Amino acid sequence: MPPRADSHDFLPLKPDAFYVLLVLLHGERHGYAIMREAAEHSGGRVELQAGALYRLLARMLDDALVVESQRRPAPDADDERRRYYRITALGKRVIAADAERMAALAEAARRALRGHAALA
């Protein structure tokens, strides 16, 4: 299957994919750090298990949303089995497009709810 180049082709992102990209916006991370930070950023709503995370990362690698980083921390500060991931320019465009999509949805809901103050 040819890679998708338009960021809107990926929308809407599932919450797990959104939070993986969000975490990687902060810099390169290995799998365990991605799992931990995704749970933290989501307030515990996204708790990735290792198998699910690595399947998701494999899809994101295939879609060119992330790449495996070749840079490594100092050998004495790291386990050589760890793989580090970094967001790509396409990945940044995709998460930005999804954030815009969600902001538009939230604004539409706020406008609709203003006329229904009795519901609050």
C-alpha atoms as a PDB file:
ATOM      1  CA  MET A   1       0.000   0.000   0.000  1.00  0.00           C
ATOM      2  CA  PRO A   2       1.511   3.393  -0.934  1.00  0.00           C
ATOM      3  CA  PRO A   3       2.238   5.741   1.963  1.00  0.00           C
ATOM      4  CA  ARG A   4      -0.342   8.415   2.660  1.00  0.00           C
ATOM      5  CA  ALA A   5       1.113  11.885   2.217  1.00  0.00           C
ATOM      6  CA  ASP A   6      -1.829  14.114   3.126  1.00  0.00           C
ATOM      7  CA  SER A   7      -2.192  14.619   6.870  1.00  0.00           C
ATOM      8  CA  HIS A   8      -5.992  14.506   6.634  1.00  0.00           C
ATOM      9  CA  ASP A   9      -5.824  10.938   5.300  1.00  0.00           C
ATOM     10  CA  PHE A  10      -4.959   9.811   8.854  1.00  0.00           C
ATOM     11  CA  LEU A  11      -7.843  11.535  10.623  1.00  0.00           C
ATOM     12  CA  PRO A  12      -9.349  11.041  13.037  1.00  0.00           C
ATOM     13  CA  LEU A  13      -6.507   9.627  15.092  1.00  0.00           C
ATOM     14  CA  LYS A  14      -7.359   7.061  17.724  1.00  0.00           C
ATOM     15  CA  PRO A  15      -6.506   8.270  21.235  1.00  0.00           C
ATOM     16  CA  ASP A  16      -3.515   5.934  21.582  1.00  0.00           C
ATOM     17  CA  ALA A  17      -1.957   7.208  18.331  1.00  0.00           C
ATOM     18  CA  PHE A  18      -2.699  10.821  19.276  1.00  0.00           C
ATOM     19  CA  TYR A  19      -0.934  10.450  22.621  1.00  0.00           C
ATOM     20  CA  VAL A  20       2.070   8.640  21.128  1.00  0.00           C
ATOM     21  CA  LEU A  21       2.565  11.536  18.702  1.00  0.00           C
ATOM     22  CA  LEU A  22       1.961  14.045  21.497  1.00  0.00           C
ATOM     23  CA  VAL A  23       4.648  12.421  23.638  1.00  0.00           C
ATOM     24  CA  LEU A  24       7.098  12.379  20.732  1.00  0.00           C
ATOM     25  CA  LEU A  25       6.571  16.107  20.149  1.00  0.00           C
ATOM     26  CA  HIS A  26       8.582  16.512  23.365  1.00  0.00           C
ATOM     27  CA  GLY A  27      11.546  14.592  21.937  1.00  0.00           C
ATOM     28  CA  GLU A  28      12.800  11.098  21.222  1.00  0.00           C
ATOM     29  CA  ARG A  29      11.560   8.389  23.563  1.00  0.00           C
ATOM     30  CA  HIS A  30      11.863   4.637  23.989  1.00  0.00           C
ATOM     31  CA  GLY A  31       8.820   2.402  24.324  1.00  0.00           C
ATOM     32  CA  TYR A  32       8.535   2.357  28.106  1.00  0.00           C
ATOM     33  CA  ALA A  33       8.840   6.154  28.297  1.00  0.00           C
ATOM     34  CA  ILE A  34       6.152   6.513  25.607  1.00  0.00           C
ATOM     35  CA  MET A  35       3.800   4.254  27.598  1.00  0.00           C
ATOM     36  CA  ARG A  36       4.453   6.116  30.857  1.00  0.00           C
ATOM     37  CA  GLU A  37       4.145   9.608  29.367  1.00  0.00           C
ATOM     38  CA  ALA A  38       1.033   8.780  27.312  1.00  0.00           C
ATOM     39  CA  ALA A  39      -0.699   7.669  30.516  1.00  0.00           C
ATOM     40  CA  GLU A  40       0.477  10.825  32.276  1.00  0.00           C
ATOM     41  CA  HIS A  41      -0.575  13.231  29.485  1.00  0.00           C
ATOM     42  CA  SER A  42      -3.976  11.552  29.169  1.00  0.00           C
ATOM     43  CA  GLY A  43      -4.711  11.603  32.876  1.00  0.00           C
ATOM     44  CA  GLY A  44      -4.610   7.802  32.884  1.00  0.00           C
ATOM     45  CA  ARG A  45      -7.210   7.434  30.110  1.00  0.00           C
ATOM     46  CA  VAL A  46      -4.665   5.927  27.692  1.00  0.00           C
ATOM     47  CA  GLU A  47      -2.720   3.051  29.206  1.00  0.00           C
ATOM     48  CA  LEU A  48      -0.767   1.298  26.491  1.00  0.00           C
ATOM     49  CA  GLN A  49       0.374  -2.273  26.954  1.00  0.00           C
ATOM     50  CA  ALA A  50       3.750  -3.197  25.451  1.00  0.00           C
ATOM     51  CA  GLY A  51       2.375  -5.438  22.691  1.00  0.00           C
ATOM     52  CA  ALA A  52      -0.236  -2.895  21.605  1.00  0.00           C
ATOM     53  CA  LEU A  53       2.315  -0.074  21.690  1.00  0.00           C
ATOM     54  CA  TYR A  54       4.805  -1.903  19.476  1.00  0.00           C
ATOM     55  CA  ARG A  55       2.083  -2.872  16.978  1.00  0.00           C
ATOM     56  CA  LEU A  56       1.010   0.779  16.886  1.00  0.00           C
ATOM     57  CA  LEU A  57       4.612   1.957  16.470  1.00  0.00           C
ATOM     58  CA  ALA A  58       5.098  -0.535  13.607  1.00  0.00           C
ATOM     59  CA  ARG A  59       2.060   0.953  11.814  1.00  0.00           C
ATOM     60  CA  MET A  60       3.282   4.472  12.503  1.00  0.00           C
ATOM     61  CA  LEU A  61       6.718   3.552  11.127  1.00  0.00           C
ATOM     62  CA  ASP A  62       5.077   2.120   7.981  1.00  0.00           C
ATOM     63  CA  ASP A  63       3.010   5.309   7.611  1.00  0.00           C
ATOM     64  CA  ALA A  64       6.116   7.502   8.139  1.00  0.00           C
ATOM     65  CA  LEU A  65       4.585   9.255  11.157  1.00  0.00           C
ATOM     66  CA  VAL A  66       7.572   8.223  13.272  1.00  0.00           C
ATOM     67  CA  VAL A  67      11.073   6.943  12.599  1.00  0.00           C
ATOM     68  CA  GLU A  68      13.418   4.888  14.679  1.00  0.00           C
ATOM     69  CA  SER A  69      16.196   7.134  15.887  1.00  0.00           C
ATOM     70  CA  GLN A  70      19.787   6.182  15.252  1.00  0.00           C
ATOM     71  CA  ARG A  71      21.038   8.425  18.064  1.00  0.00           C
ATOM     72  CA  ARG A  72      21.608   6.695  21.378  1.00  0.00           C
ATOM     73  CA  PRO A  73      22.276   7.927  24.890  1.00  0.00           C
ATOM     74  CA  ALA A  74      25.631   7.152  26.451  1.00  0.00           C
ATOM     75  CA  PRO A  75      26.031   3.340  26.661  1.00  0.00           C
ATOM     76  CA  ASP A  76      26.401   3.409  30.445  1.00  0.00           C
ATOM     77  CA  ALA A  77      23.089   5.303  30.758  1.00  0.00           C
ATOM     78  CA  ASP A  78      21.037   3.064  28.491  1.00  0.00           C
ATOM     79  CA  ASP A  79      20.081  -0.498  27.624  1.00  0.00           C
ATOM     80  CA  GLU A  80      21.238  -1.273  24.081  1.00  0.00           C
ATOM     81  CA  ARG A  81      18.038  -3.252  23.442  1.00  0.00           C
ATOM     82  CA  ARG A  82      15.920  -0.100  23.668  1.00  0.00           C
ATOM     83  CA  ARG A  83      14.663   1.434  20.466  1.00  0.00           C
ATOM     84  CA  TYR A  84      14.107   5.171  20.367  1.00  0.00           C
ATOM     85  CA  TYR A  85      11.433   6.817  18.244  1.00  0.00           C
ATOM     86  CA  ARG A  86      11.049  10.320  16.899  1.00  0.00           C
ATOM     87  CA  ILE A  87       8.124  12.087  15.235  1.00  0.00           C
ATOM     88  CA  THR A  88       8.500  13.005  11.555  1.00  0.00           C
ATOM     89  CA  ALA A  89       7.390  16.179   9.782  1.00  0.00           C
ATOM     90  CA  LEU A  90       4.353  14.234   8.520  1.00  0.00           C
ATOM     91  CA  GLY A  91       3.600  13.086  12.066  1.00  0.00           C
ATOM     92  CA  LYS A  92       3.687  16.720  13.232  1.00  0.00           C
ATOM     93  CA  ARG A  93       1.299  17.753  10.452  1.00  0.00           C
ATOM     94  CA  VAL A  94      -1.054  14.887  11.329  1.00  0.00           C
ATOM     95  CA  ILE A  95      -1.266  15.704  15.047  1.00  0.00           C
ATOM     96  CA  ALA A  96      -1.694  19.413  14.237  1.00  0.00           C
ATOM     97  CA  ALA A  97      -4.534  18.603  11.825  1.00  0.00           C
ATOM     98  CA  ASP A  98      -6.211  16.370  14.407  1.00  0.00           C
ATOM     99  CA  ALA A  99      -5.869  19.028  17.103  1.00  0.00           C
ATOM    100  CA  GLU A 100      -7.525  21.533  14.730  1.00  0.00           C
ATOM    101  CA  ARG A 101     -10.275  19.020  13.961  1.00  0.00           C
ATOM    102  CA  MET A 102     -10.966  18.481  17.661  1.00  0.00           C
ATOM    103  CA  ALA A 103     -10.895  22.235  18.382  1.00  0.00           C
ATOM    104  CA  ALA A 104     -13.508  22.793  15.666  1.00  0.00           C
ATOM    105  CA  LEU A 105     -15.682  20.038  17.145  1.00  0.00           C
ATOM    106  CA  ALA A 106     -15.360  21.519  20.628  1.00  0.00           C
ATOM    107  CA  GLU A 107     -16.278  24.996  19.354  1.00  0.00           C
ATOM    108  CA  ALA A 108     -19.325  23.644  17.514  1.00  0.00           C
ATOM    109  CA  ALA A 109     -20.450  21.893  20.700  1.00  0.00           C
ATOM    110  CA  ARG A 110     -19.920  25.056  22.790  1.00  0.00           C
ATOM    111  CA  ARG A 111     -21.976  27.110  20.333  1.00  0.00           C
ATOM    112  CA  ALA A 112     -24.767  24.541  20.356  1.00  0.00           C
ATOM    113  CA  LEU A 113     -24.761  24.309  24.134  1.00  0.00           C
ATOM    114  CA  ARG A 114     -25.022  28.088  24.636  1.00  0.00           C
ATOM    115  CA  GLY A 115     -28.622  27.861  23.521  1.00  0.00           C
ATOM    116  CA  HIS A 116     -29.288  25.099  26.038  1.00  0.00           C
ATOM    117  CA  ALA A 117     -28.136  26.674  29.306  1.00  0.00           C
ATOM    118  CA  ALA A 118     -30.927  24.842  31.142  1.00  0.00           C
ATOM    119  CA  LEU A 119     -29.030  21.591  30.595  1.00  0.00           C
ATOM    120  CA  ALA A 120     -26.188  22.765  32.826  1.00  0.00           C
END
